[in-house]
Amino acid sequence: MDFVVLRLIHILGGAFWLGAAVTMFLFLQPTAQATAPEGQRFMLHLLRDRRFSEVVLAAALLTGVAGAILFWRDTNGLRLASITQPQILGFTIGGLAGGIALLLFLFVGYPAGRRMIAIGGKLEAERRPPNEDERRILAAAQSVLSRVGATVLVLLVIAAAAMATARYLPLVL
């Protein structure tokens, strides 16, 4: 029974995470940039008040933990002979891609987003434009988020594709 629950958490959490990443980086972020300053207020509300980043982070962490437990079980404790078997190879590739995406989001993307939210909230409360130092921090954080967001999105697509086709790899390898 716990296997079924773990699979549901992993698959539904991963689908949510991938969908949120696609929506954020292909639609919401470019629209907010194109419609500044209204778009910036929208993004601040989404990220700070609706806690979008925290919800996505929770889904990503649940996906990663459930996937790691499933992978541990399927590979008999990460035995090399198991990890490289054709029927497990897709999960190995997907797990590596998803794991790297999770680490990038957790340790690079999420903190950069929090910096932007903190400055945006301060500017909103004080009803003023950013000063030069704040502009520099915002630009640096935005640059990091653009690069990390694109990288995480590609890694999540690789993870989803590898895991979705994993059971068919033995047929072609």
C-alpha atoms as a PDB file:
ATOM      1  CA  MET A   1       0.000   0.000   0.000  1.00  0.00           C
ATOM      2  CA  ASP A   2       2.765   2.461   0.846  1.00  0.00           C
ATOM      3  CA  PHE A   3       4.238   1.823  -2.608  1.00  0.00           C
ATOM      4  CA  VAL A   4       1.008   3.046  -4.218  1.00  0.00           C
ATOM      5  CA  VAL A   5       0.903   6.140  -1.993  1.00  0.00           C
ATOM      6  CA  LEU A   6       4.552   6.946  -2.766  1.00  0.00           C
ATOM      7  CA  ARG A   7       3.932   6.564  -6.500  1.00  0.00           C
ATOM      8  CA  LEU A   8       0.885   8.840  -6.312  1.00  0.00           C
ATOM      9  CA  ILE A   9       2.827  11.484  -4.376  1.00  0.00           C
ATOM     10  CA  HIS A  10       5.740  11.221  -6.805  1.00  0.00           C
ATOM     11  CA  ILE A  11       3.693  11.320 -10.008  1.00  0.00           C
ATOM     12  CA  LEU A  12       1.127  13.948  -8.961  1.00  0.00           C
ATOM     13  CA  GLY A  13       3.747  16.123  -7.239  1.00  0.00           C
ATOM     14  CA  GLY A  14       6.011  15.882 -10.276  1.00  0.00           C
ATOM     15  CA  ALA A  15       3.180  16.739 -12.648  1.00  0.00           C
ATOM     16  CA  PHE A  16       2.300  19.769 -10.538  1.00  0.00           C
ATOM     17  CA  TRP A  17       5.953  20.860 -10.306  1.00  0.00           C
ATOM     18  CA  LEU A  18       6.508  20.540 -14.065  1.00  0.00           C
ATOM     19  CA  GLY A  19       3.220  22.306 -14.840  1.00  0.00           C
ATOM     20  CA  ALA A  20       4.044  25.130 -12.424  1.00  0.00           C
ATOM     21  CA  ALA A  21       7.517  25.539 -13.960  1.00  0.00           C
ATOM     22  CA  VAL A  22       6.120  25.658 -17.497  1.00  0.00           C
ATOM     23  CA  THR A  23       3.439  28.152 -16.497  1.00  0.00           C
ATOM     24  CA  MET A  24       5.832  30.366 -14.544  1.00  0.00           C
ATOM     25  CA  PHE A  25       8.772  30.500 -16.946  1.00  0.00           C
ATOM     26  CA  LEU A  26       6.990  30.385 -20.296  1.00  0.00           C
ATOM     27  CA  PHE A  27       3.908  32.479 -19.516  1.00  0.00           C
ATOM     28  CA  LEU A  28       3.718  34.381 -16.215  1.00  0.00           C
ATOM     29  CA  GLN A  29       7.270  35.700 -15.963  1.00  0.00           C
ATOM     30  CA  PRO A  30       7.492  37.033 -19.546  1.00  0.00           C
ATOM     31  CA  THR A  31       4.036  38.595 -19.205  1.00  0.00           C
ATOM     32  CA  ALA A  32       4.951  40.282 -15.922  1.00  0.00           C
ATOM     33  CA  GLN A  33       8.126  41.703 -17.473  1.00  0.00           C
ATOM     34  CA  ALA A  34       6.210  42.976 -20.488  1.00  0.00           C
ATOM     35  CA  THR A  35       3.533  44.649 -18.370  1.00  0.00           C
ATOM     36  CA  ALA A  36       5.689  46.290 -15.692  1.00  0.00           C
ATOM     37  CA  PRO A  37       4.929  47.864 -13.213  1.00  0.00           C
ATOM     38  CA  GLU A  38       1.488  46.200 -13.044  1.00  0.00           C
ATOM     39  CA  GLY A  39       3.075  42.838 -13.840  1.00  0.00           C
ATOM     40  CA  GLN A  40       5.553  43.277 -11.018  1.00  0.00           C
ATOM     41  CA  ARG A  41       2.712  43.893  -8.570  1.00  0.00           C
ATOM     42  CA  PHE A  42       0.965  40.778  -9.884  1.00  0.00           C
ATOM     43  CA  MET A  43       4.115  38.675  -9.417  1.00  0.00           C
ATOM     44  CA  LEU A  44       4.664  40.055  -5.923  1.00  0.00           C
ATOM     45  CA  HIS A  45       1.106  39.111  -4.998  1.00  0.00           C
ATOM     46  CA  LEU A  46       1.477  35.650  -6.534  1.00  0.00           C
ATOM     47  CA  LEU A  47       4.809  34.903  -4.879  1.00  0.00           C
ATOM     48  CA  ARG A  48       4.416  36.652  -1.529  1.00  0.00           C
ATOM     49  CA  ASP A  49       0.706  36.688  -0.752  1.00  0.00           C
ATOM     50  CA  ARG A  50      -0.393  33.498  -2.527  1.00  0.00           C
ATOM     51  CA  ARG A  51       2.896  31.762  -1.555  1.00  0.00           C
ATOM     52  CA  PHE A  52       3.291  30.189  -4.998  1.00  0.00           C
ATOM     53  CA  SER A  53       7.005  29.498  -4.508  1.00  0.00           C
ATOM     54  CA  GLU A  54       6.420  27.697  -1.211  1.00  0.00           C
ATOM     55  CA  VAL A  55       3.676  25.533  -2.684  1.00  0.00           C
ATOM     56  CA  VAL A  56       5.876  24.589  -5.650  1.00  0.00           C
ATOM     57  CA  LEU A  57       8.831  23.963  -3.336  1.00  0.00           C
ATOM     58  CA  ALA A  58       6.691  21.672  -1.162  1.00  0.00           C
ATOM     59  CA  ALA A  59       5.561  19.743  -4.250  1.00  0.00           C
ATOM     60  CA  ALA A  60       9.167  19.496  -5.467  1.00  0.00           C
ATOM     61  CA  LEU A  61      10.393  18.234  -2.087  1.00  0.00           C
ATOM     62  CA  LEU A  62       7.586  15.676  -1.798  1.00  0.00           C
ATOM     63  CA  THR A  63       8.274  14.535  -5.358  1.00  0.00           C
ATOM     64  CA  GLY A  64      11.992  14.187  -4.654  1.00  0.00           C
ATOM     65  CA  VAL A  65      11.620  12.355  -1.346  1.00  0.00           C
ATOM     66  CA  ALA A  66       8.979   9.953  -2.671  1.00  0.00           C
ATOM     67  CA  GLY A  67      11.051   9.330  -5.806  1.00  0.00           C
ATOM     68  CA  ALA A  68      14.215   8.714  -3.795  1.00  0.00           C
ATOM     69  CA  ILE A  69      12.436   6.154  -1.600  1.00  0.00           C
ATOM     70  CA  LEU A  70      10.970   4.402  -4.643  1.00  0.00           C
ATOM     71  CA  PHE A  71      14.346   4.395  -6.398  1.00  0.00           C
ATOM     72  CA  TRP A  72      16.074   3.032  -3.282  1.00  0.00           C
ATOM     73  CA  ARG A  73      13.567   0.179  -3.170  1.00  0.00           C
ATOM     74  CA  ASP A  74      13.743  -0.553  -6.904  1.00  0.00           C
ATOM     75  CA  THR A  75      17.551  -0.658  -6.931  1.00  0.00           C
ATOM     76  CA  ASN A  76      17.980  -2.751  -3.777  1.00  0.00           C
ATOM     77  CA  GLY A  77      19.697   0.070  -1.919  1.00  0.00           C
ATOM     78  CA  LEU A  78      21.310   1.763  -4.954  1.00  0.00           C
ATOM     79  CA  ARG A  79      23.234  -1.304  -6.102  1.00  0.00           C
ATOM     80  CA  LEU A  80      25.159  -0.449  -9.278  1.00  0.00           C
ATOM     81  CA  ALA A  81      24.055  -3.664 -10.946  1.00  0.00           C
ATOM     82  CA  SER A  82      20.431  -2.643 -10.423  1.00  0.00           C
ATOM     83  CA  ILE A  83      20.829   1.033 -11.383  1.00  0.00           C
ATOM     84  CA  THR A  84      22.239   0.209 -14.822  1.00  0.00           C
ATOM     85  CA  GLN A  85      19.689  -2.468 -15.763  1.00  0.00           C
ATOM     86  CA  PRO A  86      17.655  -1.531 -18.872  1.00  0.00           C
ATOM     87  CA  GLN A  87      14.362  -1.672 -16.949  1.00  0.00           C
ATOM     88  CA  ILE A  88      15.718   0.787 -14.335  1.00  0.00           C
ATOM     89  CA  LEU A  89      17.898   3.006 -16.579  1.00  0.00           C
ATOM     90  CA  GLY A  90      15.080   5.428 -17.441  1.00  0.00           C
ATOM     91  CA  PHE A  91      14.377   5.916 -13.753  1.00  0.00           C
ATOM     92  CA  THR A  92      18.109   6.436 -13.121  1.00  0.00           C
ATOM     93  CA  ILE A  93      18.321   9.142 -15.800  1.00  0.00           C
ATOM     94  CA  GLY A  94      15.052  10.716 -14.681  1.00  0.00           C
ATOM     95  CA  GLY A  95      16.074  10.597 -11.037  1.00  0.00           C
ATOM     96  CA  LEU A  96      19.385  12.301 -11.756  1.00  0.00           C
ATOM     97  CA  ALA A  97      17.718  15.024 -13.827  1.00  0.00           C
ATOM     98  CA  GLY A  98      14.972  15.536 -11.247  1.00  0.00           C
ATOM     99  CA  GLY A  99      17.449  15.520  -8.370  1.00  0.00           C
ATOM    100  CA  ILE A 100      19.623  18.162  -9.999  1.00  0.00           C
ATOM    101  CA  ALA A 101      16.507  20.246 -10.750  1.00  0.00           C
ATOM    102  CA  LEU A 102      15.447  19.992  -7.107  1.00  0.00           C
ATOM    103  CA  LEU A 103      18.873  21.049  -5.819  1.00  0.00           C
ATOM    104  CA  LEU A 104      19.012  24.010  -8.226  1.00  0.00           C
ATOM    105  CA  PHE A 105      15.529  25.145  -7.230  1.00  0.00           C
ATOM    106  CA  LEU A 106      16.120  24.641  -3.499  1.00  0.00           C
ATOM    107  CA  PHE A 107      19.568  26.209  -3.178  1.00  0.00           C
ATOM    108  CA  VAL A 108      19.705  28.744  -6.041  1.00  0.00           C
ATOM    109  CA  GLY A 109      16.299  29.621  -7.503  1.00  0.00           C
ATOM    110  CA  TYR A 110      14.227  29.772  -4.331  1.00  0.00           C
ATOM    111  CA  PRO A 111      16.697  32.036  -2.434  1.00  0.00           C
ATOM    112  CA  ALA A 112      16.965  34.381  -5.439  1.00  0.00           C
ATOM    113  CA  GLY A 113      13.183  34.598  -5.573  1.00  0.00           C
ATOM    114  CA  ARG A 114      13.003  35.343  -1.848  1.00  0.00           C
ATOM    115  CA  ARG A 115      15.472  38.228  -2.308  1.00  0.00           C
ATOM    116  CA  MET A 116      13.260  39.687  -5.021  1.00  0.00           C
ATOM    117  CA  ILE A 117      10.127  39.288  -2.888  1.00  0.00           C
ATOM    118  CA  ALA A 118      11.791  40.980   0.107  1.00  0.00           C
ATOM    119  CA  ILE A 119      12.860  43.991  -1.932  1.00  0.00           C
ATOM    120  CA  GLY A 120       9.555  44.151  -3.809  1.00  0.00           C
ATOM    121  CA  GLY A 121       7.606  44.086  -0.552  1.00  0.00           C
ATOM    122  CA  LYS A 122       9.784  46.837   0.901  1.00  0.00           C
ATOM    123  CA  LEU A 123       9.328  48.999  -2.195  1.00  0.00           C
ATOM    124  CA  GLU A 124       5.591  48.446  -2.150  1.00  0.00           C
ATOM    125  CA  ALA A 125       5.321  49.328   1.553  1.00  0.00           C
ATOM    126  CA  GLU A 126       7.416  52.477   1.098  1.00  0.00           C
ATOM    127  CA  ARG A 127       5.704  53.339  -2.208  1.00  0.00           C
ATOM    128  CA  ARG A 128       8.939  54.201  -3.968  1.00  0.00           C
ATOM    129  CA  PRO A 129      11.019  52.974  -6.896  1.00  0.00           C
ATOM    130  CA  PRO A 130      14.156  50.933  -6.211  1.00  0.00           C
ATOM    131  CA  ASN A 131      17.407  52.745  -5.512  1.00  0.00           C
ATOM    132  CA  GLU A 132      20.562  51.847  -7.432  1.00  0.00           C
ATOM    133  CA  ASP A 133      21.646  49.120  -4.997  1.00  0.00           C
ATOM    134  CA  GLU A 134      18.179  47.552  -4.997  1.00  0.00           C
ATOM    135  CA  ARG A 135      18.041  47.734  -8.804  1.00  0.00           C
ATOM    136  CA  ARG A 136      21.373  45.893  -8.964  1.00  0.00           C
ATOM    137  CA  ILE A 137      20.177  43.165  -6.559  1.00  0.00           C
ATOM    138  CA  LEU A 138      16.873  42.783  -8.420  1.00  0.00           C
ATOM    139  CA  ALA A 139      18.629  42.559 -11.792  1.00  0.00           C
ATOM    140  CA  ALA A 140      21.093  39.966 -10.470  1.00  0.00           C
ATOM    141  CA  ALA A 141      18.307  37.896  -8.910  1.00  0.00           C
ATOM    142  CA  GLN A 142      16.246  38.110 -12.108  1.00  0.00           C
ATOM    143  CA  SER A 143      19.234  36.963 -14.145  1.00  0.00           C
ATOM    144  CA  VAL A 144      19.777  34.009 -11.815  1.00  0.00           C
ATOM    145  CA  LEU A 145      16.079  33.108 -11.921  1.00  0.00           C
ATOM    146  CA  SER A 146      15.995  33.234 -15.715  1.00  0.00           C
ATOM    147  CA  ARG A 147      18.971  30.896 -16.067  1.00  0.00           C
ATOM    148  CA  VAL A 148      17.971  28.561 -13.251  1.00  0.00           C
ATOM    149  CA  GLY A 149      14.348  28.541 -14.363  1.00  0.00           C
ATOM    150  CA  ALA A 150      15.273  27.506 -17.903  1.00  0.00           C
ATOM    151  CA  THR A 151      17.690  24.854 -16.610  1.00  0.00           C
ATOM    152  CA  VAL A 152      15.182  23.435 -14.122  1.00  0.00           C
ATOM    153  CA  LEU A 153      12.503  23.359 -16.811  1.00  0.00           C
ATOM    154  CA  VAL A 154      14.744  21.391 -19.201  1.00  0.00           C
ATOM    155  CA  LEU A 155      15.781  18.998 -16.415  1.00  0.00           C
ATOM    156  CA  LEU A 156      12.149  18.409 -15.419  1.00  0.00           C
ATOM    157  CA  VAL A 157      11.182  17.632 -19.016  1.00  0.00           C
ATOM    158  CA  ILE A 158      14.098  15.177 -19.225  1.00  0.00           C
ATOM    159  CA  ALA A 159      13.058  13.607 -15.911  1.00  0.00           C
ATOM    160  CA  ALA A 160       9.414  13.266 -16.943  1.00  0.00           C
ATOM    161  CA  ALA A 161      10.269  11.894 -20.404  1.00  0.00           C
ATOM    162  CA  ALA A 162      12.823   9.421 -19.040  1.00  0.00           C
ATOM    163  CA  MET A 163      10.477   8.119 -16.364  1.00  0.00           C
ATOM    164  CA  ALA A 164       7.451   7.995 -18.667  1.00  0.00           C
ATOM    165  CA  THR A 165       9.339   5.826 -21.153  1.00  0.00           C
ATOM    166  CA  ALA A 166      11.426   3.799 -18.670  1.00  0.00           C
ATOM    167  CA  ARG A 167       9.396   0.608 -18.967  1.00  0.00           C
ATOM    168  CA  TYR A 168       9.962   0.574 -22.749  1.00  0.00           C
ATOM    169  CA  LEU A 169      13.773   0.971 -22.666  1.00  0.00           C
ATOM    170  CA  PRO A 170      14.365  -2.802 -22.380  1.00  0.00           C
ATOM    171  CA  LEU A 171      12.597  -3.158 -25.725  1.00  0.00           C
ATOM    172  CA  VAL A 172      15.103  -0.893 -27.495  1.00  0.00           C
ATOM    173  CA  LEU A 173      18.315  -1.536 -25.538  1.00  0.00           C
END
